[in-house]
C-alpha cells in the first residue's frame, strides 16, 4: 500500500453507486504541490 499526505481541498455532493454505495469525488494537493483526484471515497464511513 502506498501512503502519502494530501490536503483535501474539494469535495463533491454525495452520489449513490451500485458498485461502491454512497461515494464522493474529492481532490487535493500533495506535499509537492501537485493535484490528485481521489475516487471513490466512502465519506460517511470514514473515522
PDB file of N, CA and C in Angstrom:
ATOM      1  N   UNK A   1       0.840  -1.177   0.000  1.00  0.00           N
ATOM      2  CA  UNK A   1       0.000   0.000   0.000  1.00  0.00           C
ATOM      3  C   UNK A   1       0.884   1.239   0.000  1.00  0.00           C
ATOM      4  N   UNK A   2       0.541   2.192  -0.835  1.00  0.00           N
ATOM      5  CA  UNK A   2       1.276   3.456  -0.927  1.00  0.00           C
ATOM      6  C   UNK A   2       0.534   4.509  -0.133  1.00  0.00           C
ATOM      7  N   UNK A   3       1.228   5.204   0.766  1.00  0.00           N
ATOM      8  CA  UNK A   3       0.604   6.255   1.566  1.00  0.00           C
ATOM      9  C   UNK A   3       1.315   7.568   1.325  1.00  0.00           C
ATOM     10  N   UNK A   4       0.544   8.641   1.293  1.00  0.00           N
ATOM     11  CA  UNK A   4       1.113   9.971   1.199  1.00  0.00           C
ATOM     12  C   UNK A   4       0.164  10.969   1.839  1.00  0.00           C
ATOM     13  N   UNK A   5       0.692  12.121   2.197  1.00  0.00           N
ATOM     14  CA  UNK A   5      -0.117  13.173   2.825  1.00  0.00           C
ATOM     15  C   UNK A   5      -0.722  14.041   1.737  1.00  0.00           C
ATOM     16  N   UNK A   6      -2.047  14.246   1.840  1.00  0.00           N
ATOM     17  CA  UNK A   6      -2.777  15.061   0.864  1.00  0.00           C
ATOM     18  C   UNK A   6      -3.705  16.006   1.622  1.00  0.00           C
ATOM     19  N   UNK A   7      -3.675  17.278   1.257  1.00  0.00           N
ATOM     20  CA  UNK A   7      -4.589  18.269   1.818  1.00  0.00           C
ATOM     21  C   UNK A   7      -5.833  18.274   0.937  1.00  0.00           C
ATOM     22  N   UNK A   8      -6.968  17.810   1.467  1.00  0.00           N
ATOM     23  CA  UNK A   8      -8.216  17.768   0.712  1.00  0.00           C
ATOM     24  C   UNK A   8      -8.745  19.185   0.573  1.00  0.00           C
ATOM     25  N   UNK A   9      -9.016  19.584  -0.673  1.00  0.00           N
ATOM     26  CA  UNK A   9      -9.479  20.951  -0.924  1.00  0.00           C
ATOM     27  C   UNK A   9     -10.863  21.014  -1.550  1.00  0.00           C
ATOM     28  N   UNK A  10     -11.303  19.931  -2.196  1.00  0.00           N
ATOM     29  CA  UNK A  10     -12.584  19.910  -2.905  1.00  0.00           C
ATOM     30  C   UNK A  10     -13.304  18.605  -2.622  1.00  0.00           C
ATOM     31  N   UNK A  11     -14.618  18.697  -2.374  1.00  0.00           N
ATOM     32  CA  UNK A  11     -15.451  17.506  -2.177  1.00  0.00           C
ATOM     33  C   UNK A  11     -16.754  17.711  -2.917  1.00  0.00           C
ATOM     34  N   UNK A  12     -17.175  16.730  -3.715  1.00  0.00           N
ATOM     35  CA  UNK A  12     -18.428  16.839  -4.446  1.00  0.00           C
ATOM     36  C   UNK A  12     -19.603  16.392  -3.593  1.00  0.00           C
ATOM     37  N   UNK A  13     -20.796  16.640  -4.106  1.00  0.00           N
ATOM     38  CA  UNK A  13     -22.024  16.188  -3.464  1.00  0.00           C
ATOM     39  C   UNK A  13     -22.080  14.658  -3.513  1.00  0.00           C
ATOM     40  N   UNK A  14     -22.490  13.981  -2.435  1.00  0.00           N
ATOM     41  CA  UNK A  14     -22.551  12.516  -2.439  1.00  0.00           C
ATOM     42  C   UNK A  14     -23.505  11.980  -3.512  1.00  0.00           C
ATOM     43  N   UNK A  15     -23.113  10.895  -4.150  1.00  0.00           N
ATOM     44  CA  UNK A  15     -23.953  10.208  -5.125  1.00  0.00           C
ATOM     45  C   UNK A  15     -24.013   8.737  -4.784  1.00  0.00           C
ATOM     46  N   UNK A  16     -25.097   8.093  -5.200  1.00  0.00           N
ATOM     47  CA  UNK A  16     -25.241   6.662  -4.966  1.00  0.00           C
ATOM     48  C   UNK A  16     -24.658   5.885  -6.130  1.00  0.00           C
ATOM     49  N   UNK A  17     -23.962   4.813  -5.815  1.00  0.00           N
ATOM     50  CA  UNK A  17     -23.360   3.947  -6.811  1.00  0.00           C
ATOM     51  C   UNK A  17     -23.739   2.512  -6.488  1.00  0.00           C
ATOM     52  N   UNK A  18     -24.131   1.744  -7.478  1.00  0.00           N
ATOM     53  CA  UNK A  18     -24.450   0.331  -7.222  1.00  0.00           C
ATOM     54  C   UNK A  18     -23.217  -0.446  -6.781  1.00  0.00           C
ATOM     55  N   UNK A  19     -22.079  -0.088  -7.333  1.00  0.00           N
ATOM     56  CA  UNK A  19     -20.850  -0.812  -7.034  1.00  0.00           C
ATOM     57  C   UNK A  19     -20.215  -0.380  -5.712  1.00  0.00           C
ATOM     58  N   UNK A  20     -20.226   0.929  -5.406  1.00  0.00           N
ATOM     59  CA  UNK A  20     -19.498   1.446  -4.248  1.00  0.00           C
ATOM     60  C   UNK A  20     -20.383   2.005  -3.138  1.00  0.00           C
ATOM     61  N   UNK A  21     -21.708   2.032  -3.298  1.00  0.00           N
ATOM     62  CA  UNK A  21     -22.575   2.645  -2.297  1.00  0.00           C
ATOM     63  C   UNK A  21     -22.546   4.156  -2.433  1.00  0.00           C
ATOM     64  N   UNK A  22     -22.699   4.867  -1.327  1.00  0.00           N
ATOM     65  CA  UNK A  22     -22.650   6.330  -1.377  1.00  0.00           C
ATOM     66  C   UNK A  22     -21.186   6.784  -1.400  1.00  0.00           C
ATOM     67  N   UNK A  23     -20.823   7.535  -2.423  1.00  0.00           N
ATOM     68  CA  UNK A  23     -19.440   7.970  -2.571  1.00  0.00           C
ATOM     69  C   UNK A  23     -19.376   9.451  -2.932  1.00  0.00           C
ATOM     70  N   UNK A  24     -18.213  10.018  -2.749  1.00  0.00           N
ATOM     71  CA  UNK A  24     -17.933  11.372  -3.203  1.00  0.00           C
ATOM     72  C   UNK A  24     -16.599  11.369  -3.935  1.00  0.00           C
ATOM     73  N   UNK A  25     -16.458  12.297  -4.846  1.00  0.00           N
ATOM     74  CA  UNK A  25     -15.185  12.507  -5.525  1.00  0.00           C
ATOM     75  C   UNK A  25     -14.505  13.656  -4.798  1.00  0.00           C
ATOM     76  N   UNK A  26     -13.251  13.484  -4.453  1.00  0.00           N
ATOM     77  CA  UNK A  26     -12.512  14.532  -3.774  1.00  0.00           C
ATOM     78  C   UNK A  26     -11.230  14.835  -4.545  1.00  0.00           C
ATOM     79  N   UNK A  27     -10.692  16.009  -4.308  1.00  0.00           N
ATOM     80  CA  UNK A  27      -9.417  16.389  -4.904  1.00  0.00           C
ATOM     81  C   UNK A  27      -8.602  17.096  -3.838  1.00  0.00           C
ATOM     82  N   UNK A  28      -7.304  16.988  -3.978  1.00  0.00           N
ATOM     83  CA  UNK A  28      -6.430  17.612  -3.003  1.00  0.00           C
ATOM     84  C   UNK A  28      -5.066  17.911  -3.584  1.00  0.00           C
ATOM     85  N   UNK A  29      -4.212  18.445  -2.734  1.00  0.00           N
ATOM     86  CA  UNK A  29      -2.868  18.827  -3.132  1.00  0.00           C
ATOM     87  C   UNK A  29      -1.867  17.993  -2.346  1.00  0.00           C
ATOM     88  N   UNK A  30      -0.935  17.388  -3.072  1.00  0.00           N
ATOM     89  CA  UNK A  30       0.145  16.632  -2.431  1.00  0.00           C
ATOM     90  C   UNK A  30       1.162  17.602  -1.827  1.00  0.00           C
ATOM     91  N   UNK A  31       2.070  17.076  -1.029  1.00  0.00           N
ATOM     92  CA  UNK A  31       3.099  17.915  -0.402  1.00  0.00           C
ATOM     93  C   UNK A  31       4.008  18.582  -1.428  1.00  0.00           C
ATOM     94  N   UNK A  32       4.155  17.967  -2.615  1.00  0.00           N
ATOM     95  CA  UNK A  32       4.999  18.575  -3.650  1.00  0.00           C
ATOM     96  C   UNK A  32       4.252  19.627  -4.479  1.00  0.00           C
ATOM     97  N   UNK A  33       2.963  19.875  -4.175  1.00  0.00           N
ATOM     98  CA  UNK A  33       2.179  20.889  -4.864  1.00  0.00           C
ATOM     99  C   UNK A  33       1.351  20.379  -6.026  1.00  0.00           C
ATOM    100  N   UNK A  34       1.480  19.104  -6.378  1.00  0.00           N
ATOM    101  CA  UNK A  34       0.693  18.556  -7.484  1.00  0.00           C
ATOM    102  C   UNK A  34      -0.704  18.159  -7.005  1.00  0.00           C
ATOM    103  N   UNK A  35      -1.673  18.239  -7.925  1.00  0.00           N
ATOM    104  CA  UNK A  35      -3.063  17.893  -7.628  1.00  0.00           C
ATOM    105  C   UNK A  35      -3.284  16.399  -7.791  1.00  0.00           C
ATOM    106  N   UNK A  36      -4.234  15.871  -7.025  1.00  0.00           N
ATOM    107  CA  UNK A  36      -4.602  14.466  -7.134  1.00  0.00           C
ATOM    108  C   UNK A  36      -6.115  14.344  -6.970  1.00  0.00           C
ATOM    109  N   UNK A  37      -6.723  13.448  -7.757  1.00  0.00           N
ATOM    110  CA  UNK A  37      -8.164  13.159  -7.654  1.00  0.00           C
ATOM    111  C   UNK A  37      -8.311  11.841  -6.920  1.00  0.00           C
ATOM    112  N   UNK A  38      -9.196  11.812  -5.925  1.00  0.00           N
ATOM    113  CA  UNK A  38      -9.442  10.602  -5.142  1.00  0.00           C
ATOM    114  C   UNK A  38     -10.892  10.165  -5.357  1.00  0.00           C
ATOM    115  N   UNK A  39     -11.084   8.974  -5.887  1.00  0.00           N
ATOM    116  CA  UNK A  39     -12.432   8.467  -6.131  1.00  0.00           C
ATOM    117  C   UNK A  39     -12.390   6.953  -6.155  1.00  0.00           C
ATOM    118  N   UNK A  40     -13.343   6.261  -5.647  1.00  0.00           N
ATOM    119  CA  UNK A  40     -14.459   6.715  -4.809  1.00  0.00           C
ATOM    120  C   UNK A  40     -14.028   6.802  -3.352  1.00  0.00           C
ATOM    121  N   UNK A  41     -14.594   7.735  -2.629  1.00  0.00           N
ATOM    122  CA  UNK A  41     -14.324   7.883  -1.207  1.00  0.00           C
ATOM    123  C   UNK A  41     -15.628   7.636  -0.448  1.00  0.00           C
ATOM    124  N   UNK A  42     -15.689   6.621   0.423  1.00  0.00           N
ATOM    125  CA  UNK A  42     -16.898   6.368   1.220  1.00  0.00           C
ATOM    126  C   UNK A  42     -16.943   7.332   2.407  1.00  0.00           C
ATOM    127  N   UNK A  43     -17.239   8.602   2.140  1.00  0.00           N
ATOM    128  CA  UNK A  43     -17.057   9.689   3.103  1.00  0.00           C
ATOM    129  C   UNK A  43     -17.770   9.469   4.420  1.00  0.00           C
ATOM    130  N   UNK A  44     -18.999   8.992   4.411  1.00  0.00           N
ATOM    131  CA  UNK A  44     -19.756   8.803   5.675  1.00  0.00           C
ATOM    132  C   UNK A  44     -19.197   7.678   6.536  1.00  0.00           C
ATOM    133  N   UNK A  45     -18.450   6.760   5.922  1.00  0.00           N
ATOM    134  CA  UNK A  45     -17.925   5.626   6.683  1.00  0.00           C
ATOM    135  C   UNK A  45     -16.498   5.833   7.184  1.00  0.00           C
ATOM    136  N   UNK A  46     -15.925   7.018   6.945  1.00  0.00           N
ATOM    137  CA  UNK A  46     -14.575   7.302   7.435  1.00  0.00           C
ATOM    138  C   UNK A  46     -14.595   7.629   8.912  1.00  0.00           C
ATOM    139  N   UNK A  47     -13.501   7.307   9.592  1.00  0.00           N
ATOM    140  CA  UNK A  47     -13.370   7.644  11.020  1.00  0.00           C
ATOM    141  C   UNK A  47     -13.153   9.123  11.197  1.00  0.00           C
TER     142      UNK A  47
END
